[in-house]
Amino acid sequence: LVDCNVRQVTESEWDWAELVLLSGMIVQSDDFLSL
């Protein structure tokens, strides 16, 4: 789990992942789409 309000995702975490799963509210839409 990476809460982007706490820290950014690392490249090693991107490399590790087979599936990326996001959830959020409308107010988070800009970063949601960027992720």
Full PDB file with SEQRES, HELIX, SHEET, SSBOND, CRYST1, ORIGX, SCALE, CONECT and MASTER records, all heavy atoms in Angstrom:
SEQRES   1 A   35  LEU VAL ASP CYS ASN VAL ARG GLN VAL THR GLU SER GLU          
SEQRES   2 A   35  TRP ASP TRP ALA GLU LEU VAL LEU LEU SER GLY MET ILE          
SEQRES   3 A   35  VAL GLN SER ASP ASP PHE LEU SER LEU                          
HELIX    1 AA1 GLU A   11  TRP A   16  1                                   6    
HELIX    2 AA2 ILE A   26  GLN A   28  5                                   3    
HELIX    3 AA3 SER A   29  SER A   34  1                                   6    
CRYST1    1.000    1.000    1.000  90.00  90.00  90.00 P 1           1          
ORIGX1      1.000000  0.000000  0.000000        0.00000                         
ORIGX2      0.000000  1.000000  0.000000        0.00000                         
ORIGX3      0.000000  0.000000  1.000000        0.00000                         
SCALE1      1.000000  0.000000  0.000000        0.00000                         
SCALE2      0.000000  1.000000  0.000000        0.00000                         
SCALE3      0.000000  0.000000  1.000000        0.00000                         
ATOM      1  N   LEU A   1       0.838  -1.196   0.000  1.00  0.00           N  
ATOM      2  CA  LEU A   1       0.000   0.000   0.000  1.00  0.00           C  
ATOM      3  C   LEU A   1       0.875   1.249   0.000  1.00  0.00           C  
ATOM      4  O   LEU A   1       1.790   1.371   0.815  1.00  0.00           O  
ATOM      5  CB  LEU A   1      -0.900   0.007   1.242  1.00  0.00           C  
ATOM      6  CG  LEU A   1      -1.677   1.294   1.511  1.00  0.00           C  
ATOM      7  CD1 LEU A   1      -2.744   1.526   0.448  1.00  0.00           C  
ATOM      8  CD2 LEU A   1      -2.316   1.253   2.896  1.00  0.00           C  
ATOM      9  N   VAL A   2       0.562   2.165  -0.915  1.00  0.00           N  
ATOM     10  CA  VAL A   2       1.224   3.471  -0.915  1.00  0.00           C  
ATOM     11  C   VAL A   2       0.148   4.549  -0.864  1.00  0.00           C  
ATOM     12  O   VAL A   2      -0.655   4.683  -1.785  1.00  0.00           O  
ATOM     13  CB  VAL A   2       2.117   3.678  -2.157  1.00  0.00           C  
ATOM     14  CG1 VAL A   2       2.722   5.089  -2.134  1.00  0.00           C  
ATOM     15  CG2 VAL A   2       3.218   2.634  -2.217  1.00  0.00           C  
ATOM     16  N   ASP A   3       0.129   5.282   0.223  1.00  0.00           N  
ATOM     17  CA  ASP A   3      -0.738   6.445   0.360  1.00  0.00           C  
ATOM     18  C   ASP A   3       0.064   7.640  -0.135  1.00  0.00           C  
ATOM     19  O   ASP A   3       1.021   8.079   0.512  1.00  0.00           O  
ATOM     20  CB  ASP A   3      -1.137   6.621   1.832  1.00  0.00           C  
ATOM     21  CG  ASP A   3      -2.060   7.807   2.054  1.00  0.00           C  
ATOM     22  OD1 ASP A   3      -2.234   8.625   1.131  1.00  0.00           O  
ATOM     23  OD2 ASP A   3      -2.602   7.920   3.175  1.00  0.00           O  
ATOM     24  N   CYS A   4      -0.324   8.178  -1.281  1.00  0.00           N  
ATOM     25  CA  CYS A   4       0.449   9.268  -1.898  1.00  0.00           C  
ATOM     26  C   CYS A   4       0.331  10.575  -1.130  1.00  0.00           C  
ATOM     27  O   CYS A   4       1.029  11.546  -1.450  1.00  0.00           O  
ATOM     28  CB  CYS A   4       0.020   9.455  -3.348  1.00  0.00           C  
ATOM     29  SG  CYS A   4       0.378   8.017  -4.390  1.00  0.00           S  
ATOM     30  N   ASN A   5      -0.521  10.617  -0.122  1.00  0.00           N  
ATOM     31  CA  ASN A   5      -0.558  11.765   0.777  1.00  0.00           C  
ATOM     32  C   ASN A   5       0.563  11.680   1.815  1.00  0.00           C  
ATOM     33  O   ASN A   5       0.836  12.660   2.506  1.00  0.00           O  
ATOM     34  CB  ASN A   5      -1.906  11.819   1.498  1.00  0.00           C  
ATOM     35  CG  ASN A   5      -3.058  11.967   0.532  1.00  0.00           C  
ATOM     36  OD1 ASN A   5      -3.309  13.049   0.028  1.00  0.00           O  
ATOM     37  ND2 ASN A   5      -3.752  10.869   0.251  1.00  0.00           N  
ATOM     38  N   VAL A   6       1.191  10.512   1.884  1.00  0.00           N  
ATOM     39  CA  VAL A   6       2.279  10.285   2.823  1.00  0.00           C  
ATOM     40  C   VAL A   6       3.625  10.279   2.104  1.00  0.00           C  
ATOM     41  O   VAL A   6       4.592  10.898   2.543  1.00  0.00           O  
ATOM     42  CB  VAL A   6       2.065   8.950   3.577  1.00  0.00           C  
ATOM     43  CG1 VAL A   6       3.305   8.577   4.385  1.00  0.00           C  
ATOM     44  CG2 VAL A   6       0.841   9.034   4.475  1.00  0.00           C  
ATOM     45  N   ARG A   7       3.676   9.579   0.957  1.00  0.00           N  
ATOM     46  CA  ARG A   7       4.919   9.501   0.184  1.00  0.00           C  
ATOM     47  C   ARG A   7       4.623   9.109  -1.252  1.00  0.00           C  
ATOM     48  O   ARG A   7       3.494   8.726  -1.586  1.00  0.00           O  
ATOM     49  CB  ARG A   7       5.883   8.488   0.812  1.00  0.00           C  
ATOM     50  CG  ARG A   7       5.391   7.049   0.751  1.00  0.00           C  
ATOM     51  CD  ARG A   7       6.451   6.089   1.272  1.00  0.00           C  
ATOM     52  NE  ARG A   7       6.019   4.694   1.204  1.00  0.00           N  
ATOM     53  CZ  ARG A   7       6.125   3.913   0.116  1.00  0.00           C  
ATOM     54  NH1 ARG A   7       6.639   4.402  -1.016  1.00  0.00           N  
ATOM     55  NH2 ARG A   7       5.726   2.655   0.152  1.00  0.00           N  
ATOM     56  N   GLN A   8       5.620   9.190  -2.105  1.00  0.00           N  
ATOM     57  CA  GLN A   8       5.467   8.825  -3.508  1.00  0.00           C  
ATOM     58  C   GLN A   8       5.772   7.334  -3.734  1.00  0.00           C  
ATOM     59  O   GLN A   8       6.429   6.688  -2.919  1.00  0.00           O  
ATOM     60  CB  GLN A   8       6.401   9.669  -4.381  1.00  0.00           C  
ATOM     61  CG  GLN A   8       6.043  11.156  -4.379  1.00  0.00           C  
ATOM     62  CD  GLN A   8       4.618  11.395  -4.868  1.00  0.00           C  
ATOM     63  OE1 GLN A   8       4.246  11.007  -5.970  1.00  0.00           O  
ATOM     64  NE2 GLN A   8       3.817  12.024  -4.026  1.00  0.00           N  
ATOM     65  N   VAL A   9       5.306   6.818  -4.834  1.00  0.00           N  
ATOM     66  CA  VAL A   9       5.594   5.433  -5.214  1.00  0.00           C  
ATOM     67  C   VAL A   9       7.046   5.350  -5.687  1.00  0.00           C  
ATOM     68  O   VAL A   9       7.508   6.209  -6.433  1.00  0.00           O  
ATOM     69  CB  VAL A   9       4.669   4.971  -6.360  1.00  0.00           C  
ATOM     70  CG1 VAL A   9       4.801   3.466  -6.577  1.00  0.00           C  
ATOM     71  CG2 VAL A   9       3.228   5.359  -6.098  1.00  0.00           C  
ATOM     72  N   THR A  10       7.751   4.301  -5.263  1.00  0.00           N  
ATOM     73  CA  THR A  10       9.134   4.111  -5.715  1.00  0.00           C  
ATOM     74  C   THR A  10       9.162   3.257  -6.982  1.00  0.00           C  
ATOM     75  O   THR A  10       8.215   2.512  -7.261  1.00  0.00           O  
ATOM     76  CB  THR A  10       9.979   3.416  -4.633  1.00  0.00           C  
ATOM     77  OG1 THR A  10       9.469   2.089  -4.434  1.00  0.00           O  
ATOM     78  CG2 THR A  10       9.910   4.184  -3.313  1.00  0.00           C  
ATOM     79  N   GLU A  11      10.236   3.366  -7.724  1.00  0.00           N  
ATOM     80  CA  GLU A  11      10.363   2.561  -8.947  1.00  0.00           C  
ATOM     81  C   GLU A  11      10.401   1.069  -8.626  1.00  0.00           C  
ATOM     82  O   GLU A  11       9.898   0.251  -9.393  1.00  0.00           O  
ATOM     83  CB  GLU A  11      11.622   2.960  -9.733  1.00  0.00           C  
ATOM     84  CG  GLU A  11      11.463   4.221 -10.556  1.00  0.00           C  
ATOM     85  CD  GLU A  11      10.309   4.154 -11.558  1.00  0.00           C  
ATOM     86  OE1 GLU A  11      10.062   3.061 -12.135  1.00  0.00           O  
ATOM     87  OE2 GLU A  11       9.639   5.175 -11.763  1.00  0.00           O  
ATOM     88  N   SER A  12      10.992   0.713  -7.492  1.00  0.00           N  
ATOM     89  CA  SER A  12      11.036  -0.708  -7.132  1.00  0.00           C  
ATOM     90  C   SER A  12       9.620  -1.235  -6.873  1.00  0.00           C  
ATOM     91  O   SER A  12       9.314  -2.405  -7.161  1.00  0.00           O  
ATOM     92  CB  SER A  12      11.923  -0.928  -5.905  1.00  0.00           C  
ATOM     93  OG  SER A  12      11.401  -0.245  -4.774  1.00  0.00           O  
ATOM     94  N   GLU A  13       8.732  -0.374  -6.342  1.00  0.00           N  
ATOM     95  CA  GLU A  13       7.339  -0.785  -6.120  1.00  0.00           C  
ATOM     96  C   GLU A  13       6.597  -0.919  -7.451  1.00  0.00           C  
ATOM     97  O   GLU A  13       5.799  -1.847  -7.627  1.00  0.00           O  
ATOM     98  CB  GLU A  13       6.643   0.227  -5.201  1.00  0.00           C  
ATOM     99  CG  GLU A  13       7.104   0.091  -3.747  1.00  0.00           C  
ATOM    100  CD  GLU A  13       6.697   1.258  -2.875  1.00  0.00           C  
ATOM    101  OE1 GLU A  13       6.522   2.384  -3.396  1.00  0.00           O  
ATOM    102  OE2 GLU A  13       6.560   1.046  -1.647  1.00  0.00           O  
ATOM    103  N   TRP A  14       6.851   0.002  -8.378  1.00  0.00           N  
ATOM    104  CA  TRP A  14       6.259  -0.152  -9.721  1.00  0.00           C  
ATOM    105  C   TRP A  14       6.727  -1.467 -10.352  1.00  0.00           C  
ATOM    106  O   TRP A  14       5.924  -2.207 -10.934  1.00  0.00           O  
ATOM    107  CB  TRP A  14       6.672   1.013 -10.621  1.00  0.00           C  
ATOM    108  CG  TRP A  14       6.000   2.337 -10.399  1.00  0.00           C  
ATOM    109  CD1 TRP A  14       6.602   3.504 -10.052  1.00  0.00           C  
ATOM    110  CD2 TRP A  14       4.601   2.647 -10.539  1.00  0.00           C  
ATOM    111  NE1 TRP A  14       5.679   4.521  -9.953  1.00  0.00           N  
ATOM    112  CE2 TRP A  14       4.449   4.025 -10.257  1.00  0.00           C  
ATOM    113  CE3 TRP A  14       3.471   1.906 -10.861  1.00  0.00           C  
ATOM    114  CZ2 TRP A  14       3.204   4.671 -10.297  1.00  0.00           C  
ATOM    115  CZ3 TRP A  14       2.240   2.543 -10.911  1.00  0.00           C  
ATOM    116  CH2 TRP A  14       2.106   3.902 -10.630  1.00  0.00           C  
ATOM    117  N   ASP A  15       8.020  -1.749 -10.237  1.00  0.00           N  
ATOM    118  CA  ASP A  15       8.569  -2.970 -10.852  1.00  0.00           C  
ATOM    119  C   ASP A  15       7.967  -4.222 -10.222  1.00  0.00           C  
ATOM    120  O   ASP A  15       7.723  -5.227 -10.902  1.00  0.00           O  
ATOM    121  CB  ASP A  15      10.100  -3.003 -10.684  1.00  0.00           C  
ATOM    122  CG  ASP A  15      10.796  -1.919 -11.502  1.00  0.00           C  
ATOM    123  OD1 ASP A  15      10.168  -1.392 -12.458  1.00  0.00           O  
ATOM    124  OD2 ASP A  15      11.946  -1.585 -11.179  1.00  0.00           O  
ATOM    125  N   TRP A  16       7.743  -4.181  -8.923  1.00  0.00           N  
ATOM    126  CA  TRP A  16       7.223  -5.341  -8.187  1.00  0.00           C  
ATOM    127  C   TRP A  16       5.805  -5.689  -8.596  1.00  0.00           C  
ATOM    128  O   TRP A  16       5.412  -6.857  -8.648  1.00  0.00           O  
ATOM    129  CB  TRP A  16       7.294  -5.024  -6.693  1.00  0.00           C  
ATOM    130  CG  TRP A  16       6.633  -6.009  -5.779  1.00  0.00           C  
ATOM    131  CD1 TRP A  16       7.186  -7.146  -5.261  1.00  0.00           C  
ATOM    132  CD2 TRP A  16       5.286  -5.946  -5.266  1.00  0.00           C  
ATOM    133  NE1 TRP A  16       6.270  -7.797  -4.452  1.00  0.00           N  
ATOM    134  CE2 TRP A  16       5.098  -7.082  -4.441  1.00  0.00           C  
ATOM    135  CE3 TRP A  16       4.230  -5.052  -5.419  1.00  0.00           C  
ATOM    136  CZ2 TRP A  16       3.900  -7.336  -3.781  1.00  0.00           C  
ATOM    137  CZ3 TRP A  16       3.033  -5.303  -4.767  1.00  0.00           C  
ATOM    138  CH2 TRP A  16       2.864  -6.428  -3.957  1.00  0.00           C  
ATOM    139  N   ALA A  17       5.004  -4.681  -8.922  1.00  0.00           N  
ATOM    140  CA  ALA A  17       3.564  -4.875  -9.096  1.00  0.00           C  
ATOM    141  C   ALA A  17       3.201  -5.630 -10.372  1.00  0.00           C  
ATOM    142  O   ALA A  17       3.723  -5.355 -11.450  1.00  0.00           O  
ATOM    143  CB  ALA A  17       2.864  -3.514  -9.096  1.00  0.00           C  
ATOM    144  N   GLU A  18       2.259  -6.570 -10.226  1.00  0.00           N  
ATOM    145  CA  GLU A  18       1.622  -7.199 -11.385  1.00  0.00           C  
ATOM    146  C   GLU A  18       0.283  -6.520 -11.691  1.00  0.00           C  
ATOM    147  O   GLU A  18      -0.183  -6.537 -12.834  1.00  0.00           O  
ATOM    148  CB  GLU A  18       1.393  -8.684 -11.114  1.00  0.00           C  
ATOM    149  CG  GLU A  18       2.662  -9.488 -10.958  1.00  0.00           C  
ATOM    150  CD  GLU A  18       2.365 -10.933 -10.612  1.00  0.00           C  
ATOM    151  OE1 GLU A  18       1.746 -11.191  -9.563  1.00  0.00           O  
ATOM    152  OE2 GLU A  18       2.767 -11.816 -11.412  1.00  0.00           O  
ATOM    153  N   LEU A  19      -0.319  -5.955 -10.666  1.00  0.00           N  
ATOM    154  CA  LEU A  19      -1.593  -5.251 -10.803  1.00  0.00           C  
ATOM    155  C   LEU A  19      -1.543  -4.002  -9.942  1.00  0.00           C  
ATOM    156  O   LEU A  19      -1.114  -4.041  -8.794  1.00  0.00           O  
ATOM    157  CB  LEU A  19      -2.748  -6.150 -10.323  1.00  0.00           C  
ATOM    158  CG  LEU A  19      -4.133  -5.492 -10.177  1.00  0.00           C  
ATOM    159  CD1 LEU A  19      -4.702  -5.125 -11.548  1.00  0.00           C  
ATOM    160  CD2 LEU A  19      -5.096  -6.408  -9.421  1.00  0.00           C  
ATOM    161  N   VAL A  20      -1.977  -2.877 -10.521  1.00  0.00           N  
ATOM    162  CA  VAL A  20      -2.081  -1.616  -9.777  1.00  0.00           C  
ATOM    163  C   VAL A  20      -3.565  -1.339  -9.546  1.00  0.00           C  
ATOM    164  O   VAL A  20      -4.355  -1.343 -10.495  1.00  0.00           O  
ATOM    165  CB  VAL A  20      -1.431  -0.452 -10.544  1.00  0.00           C  
ATOM    166  CG1 VAL A  20      -1.661   0.873  -9.811  1.00  0.00           C  
ATOM    167  CG2 VAL A  20       0.064  -0.698 -10.728  1.00  0.00           C  
ATOM    168  N   LEU A  21      -3.947  -1.110  -8.297  1.00  0.00           N  
ATOM    169  CA  LEU A  21      -5.357  -0.891  -7.959  1.00  0.00           C  
ATOM    170  C   LEU A  21      -5.499   0.444  -7.232  1.00  0.00           C  
ATOM    171  O   LEU A  21      -4.822   0.695  -6.240  1.00  0.00           O  
ATOM    172  CB  LEU A  21      -5.868  -2.033  -7.088  1.00  0.00           C  
ATOM    173  CG  LEU A  21      -7.385  -2.191  -6.972  1.00  0.00           C  
ATOM    174  CD1 LEU A  21      -7.757  -3.636  -6.682  1.00  0.00           C  
ATOM    175  CD2 LEU A  21      -7.961  -1.291  -5.881  1.00  0.00           C  
ATOM    176  N   LEU A  22      -6.378   1.313  -7.760  1.00  0.00           N  
ATOM    177  CA  LEU A  22      -6.596   2.632  -7.181  1.00  0.00           C  
ATOM    178  C   LEU A  22      -8.028   2.785  -6.704  1.00  0.00           C  
ATOM    179  O   LEU A  22      -8.955   2.226  -7.302  1.00  0.00           O  
ATOM    180  CB  LEU A  22      -6.339   3.741  -8.206  1.00  0.00           C  
ATOM    181  CG  LEU A  22      -4.943   3.964  -8.751  1.00  0.00           C  
ATOM    182  CD1 LEU A  22      -4.707   3.126  -9.986  1.00  0.00           C  
ATOM    183  CD2 LEU A  22      -4.755   5.444  -9.092  1.00  0.00           C  
ATOM    184  N   SER A  23      -8.206   3.587  -5.658  1.00  0.00           N  
ATOM    185  CA  SER A  23      -9.530   3.984  -5.207  1.00  0.00           C  
ATOM    186  C   SER A  23      -9.425   5.405  -4.689  1.00  0.00           C  
ATOM    187  O   SER A  23      -8.378   5.824  -4.199  1.00  0.00           O  
ATOM    188  CB  SER A  23     -10.033   3.051  -4.097  1.00  0.00           C  
ATOM    189  OG  SER A  23     -11.318   3.449  -3.659  1.00  0.00           O  
ATOM    190  N   GLY A  24     -10.515   6.169  -4.816  1.00  0.00           N  
ATOM    191  CA  GLY A  24     -10.473   7.539  -4.332  1.00  0.00           C  
ATOM    192  C   GLY A  24     -11.780   8.261  -4.572  1.00  0.00           C  
ATOM    193  O   GLY A  24     -12.724   7.713  -5.163  1.00  0.00           O  
ATOM    194  N   MET A  25     -11.813   9.510  -4.121  1.00  0.00           N  
ATOM    195  CA  MET A  25     -12.993  10.353  -4.257  1.00  0.00           C  
ATOM    196  C   MET A  25     -12.788  11.391  -5.356  1.00  0.00           C  
ATOM    197  O   MET A  25     -11.677  11.567  -5.870  1.00  0.00           O  
ATOM    198  CB  MET A  25     -13.297  11.024  -2.912  1.00  0.00           C  
ATOM    199  CG  MET A  25     -13.665  10.029  -1.824  1.00  0.00           C  
ATOM    200  SD  MET A  25     -14.026  10.796  -0.231  1.00  0.00           S  
ATOM    201  CE  MET A  25     -12.378  11.080   0.392  1.00  0.00           C  
ATOM    202  N   ILE A  26     -13.868  12.094  -5.702  1.00  0.00           N  
ATOM    203  CA  ILE A  26     -13.809  13.072  -6.787  1.00  0.00           C  
ATOM    204  C   ILE A  26     -12.737  14.118  -6.544  1.00  0.00           C  
ATOM    205  O   ILE A  26     -12.025  14.527  -7.468  1.00  0.00           O  
ATOM    206  CB  ILE A  26     -15.191  13.745  -6.981  1.00  0.00           C  
ATOM    207  CG1 ILE A  26     -16.195  12.736  -7.547  1.00  0.00           C  
ATOM    208  CG2 ILE A  26     -15.092  14.941  -7.913  1.00  0.00           C  
ATOM    209  CD1 ILE A  26     -17.605  13.256  -7.668  1.00  0.00           C  
ATOM    210  N   VAL A  27     -12.593  14.555  -5.300  1.00  0.00           N  
ATOM    211  CA  VAL A  27     -11.628  15.603  -4.996  1.00  0.00           C  
ATOM    212  C   VAL A  27     -10.195  15.149  -5.283  1.00  0.00           C  
ATOM    213  O   VAL A  27      -9.294  15.972  -5.463  1.00  0.00           O  
ATOM    214  CB  VAL A  27     -11.789  16.060  -3.528  1.00  0.00           C  
ATOM    215  CG1 VAL A  27     -11.325  14.994  -2.564  1.00  0.00           C  
ATOM    216  CG2 VAL A  27     -11.099  17.389  -3.285  1.00  0.00           C  
ATOM    217  N   GLN A  28      -9.970  13.843  -5.372  1.00  0.00           N  
ATOM    218  CA  GLN A  28      -8.640  13.301  -5.670  1.00  0.00           C  
ATOM    219  C   GLN A  28      -8.442  13.024  -7.161  1.00  0.00           C  
ATOM    220  O   GLN A  28      -7.455  12.412  -7.548  1.00  0.00           O  
ATOM    221  CB  GLN A  28      -8.429  11.993  -4.894  1.00  0.00           C  
ATOM    222  CG  GLN A  28      -8.437  12.128  -3.385  1.00  0.00           C  
ATOM    223  CD  GLN A  28      -8.574  10.791  -2.682  1.00  0.00           C  
ATOM    224  OE1 GLN A  28      -9.680  10.275  -2.513  1.00  0.00           O  
ATOM    225  NE2 GLN A  28      -7.460  10.206  -2.271  1.00  0.00           N  
ATOM    226  N   SER A  29      -9.351  13.469  -8.002  1.00  0.00           N  
ATOM    227  CA  SER A  29      -9.372  13.039  -9.405  1.00  0.00           C  
ATOM    228  C   SER A  29      -8.099  13.372 -10.175  1.00  0.00           C  
ATOM    229  O   SER A  29      -7.650  12.574 -11.005  1.00  0.00           O  
ATOM    230  CB  SER A  29     -10.585  13.633 -10.129  1.00  0.00           C  
ATOM    231  OG  SER A  29     -10.560  15.044 -10.097  1.00  0.00           O  
ATOM    232  N   ASP A  30      -7.491  14.538  -9.925  1.00  0.00           N  
ATOM    233  CA  ASP A  30      -6.300  14.910 -10.696  1.00  0.00           C  
ATOM    234  C   ASP A  30      -5.171  13.907 -10.494  1.00  0.00           C  
ATOM    235  O   ASP A  30      -4.572  13.412 -11.460  1.00  0.00           O  
ATOM    236  CB  ASP A  30      -5.830  16.319 -10.304  1.00  0.00           C  
ATOM    237  CG  ASP A  30      -6.745  17.416 -10.850  1.00  0.00           C  
ATOM    238  OD1 ASP A  30      -7.599  17.101 -11.709  1.00  0.00           O  
ATOM    239  OD2 ASP A  30      -6.609  18.568 -10.411  1.00  0.00           O  
ATOM    240  N   ASP A  31      -4.866  13.596  -9.241  1.00  0.00           N  
ATOM    241  CA  ASP A  31      -3.778  12.645  -8.985  1.00  0.00           C  
ATOM    242  C   ASP A  31      -4.203  11.226  -9.344  1.00  0.00           C  
ATOM    243  O   ASP A  31      -3.369  10.407  -9.761  1.00  0.00           O  
ATOM    244  CB  ASP A  31      -3.350  12.715  -7.521  1.00  0.00           C  
ATOM    245  CG  ASP A  31      -1.991  12.070  -7.285  1.00  0.00           C  
ATOM    246  OD1 ASP A  31      -1.074  12.337  -8.096  1.00  0.00           O  
ATOM    247  OD2 ASP A  31      -1.836  11.303  -6.316  1.00  0.00           O  
ATOM    248  N   PHE A  32      -5.479  10.930  -9.199  1.00  0.00           N  
ATOM    249  CA  PHE A  32      -6.027   9.620  -9.574  1.00  0.00           C  
ATOM    250  C   PHE A  32      -5.701   9.333 -11.045  1.00  0.00           C  
ATOM    251  O   PHE A  32      -5.147   8.268 -11.391  1.00  0.00           O  
ATOM    252  CB  PHE A  32      -7.540   9.653  -9.355  1.00  0.00           C  
ATOM    253  CG  PHE A  32      -8.246   8.323  -9.393  1.00  0.00           C  
ATOM    254  CD1 PHE A  32      -8.746   7.756  -8.229  1.00  0.00           C  
ATOM    255  CD2 PHE A  32      -8.439   7.640 -10.587  1.00  0.00           C  
ATOM    256  CE1 PHE A  32      -9.420   6.535  -8.252  1.00  0.00           C  
ATOM    257  CE2 PHE A  32      -9.108   6.434 -10.618  1.00  0.00           C  
ATOM    258  CZ  PHE A  32      -9.606   5.869  -9.458  1.00  0.00           C  
ATOM    259  N   LEU A  33      -6.013  10.285 -11.913  1.00  0.00           N  
ATOM    260  CA  LEU A  33      -5.777  10.103 -13.348  1.00  0.00           C  
ATOM    261  C   LEU A  33      -4.288  10.085 -13.670  1.00  0.00           C  
ATOM    262  O   LEU A  33      -3.836   9.336 -14.549  1.00  0.00           O  
ATOM    263  CB  LEU A  33      -6.490  11.204 -14.141  1.00  0.00           C  
ATOM    264  CG  LEU A  33      -8.018  11.259 -13.959  1.00  0.00           C  
ATOM    265  CD1 LEU A  33      -8.607  12.441 -14.712  1.00  0.00           C  
ATOM    266  CD2 LEU A  33      -8.677   9.959 -14.413  1.00  0.00           C  
ATOM    267  N   SER A  34      -3.504  10.885 -12.946  1.00  0.00           N  
ATOM    268  CA  SER A  34      -2.050  10.889 -13.163  1.00  0.00           C  
ATOM    269  C   SER A  34      -1.430   9.545 -12.813  1.00  0.00           C  
ATOM    270  O   SER A  34      -0.514   9.067 -13.498  1.00  0.00           O  
ATOM    271  CB  SER A  34      -1.392  11.994 -12.322  1.00  0.00           C  
ATOM    272  OG  SER A  34      -1.818  13.262 -12.737  1.00  0.00           O  
ATOM    273  N   LEU A  35      -1.931   8.909 -11.744  1.00  0.00           N  
ATOM    274  CA  LEU A  35      -1.397   7.606 -11.354  1.00  0.00           C  
ATOM    275  C   LEU A  35      -1.749   6.525 -12.369  1.00  0.00           C  
ATOM    276  O   LEU A  35      -0.951   5.608 -12.621  1.00  0.00           O  
ATOM    277  CB  LEU A  35      -1.922   7.225  -9.965  1.00  0.00           C  
ATOM    278  CG  LEU A  35      -1.333   8.016  -8.794  1.00  0.00           C  
ATOM    279  CD1 LEU A  35      -2.115   7.747  -7.520  1.00  0.00           C  
ATOM    280  CD2 LEU A  35       0.145   7.675  -8.597  1.00  0.00           C  
TER     281      LEU A  35                                                      
MASTER        0    0    0    3    0    0    0    6  280    1    0    3          
END                                                                             
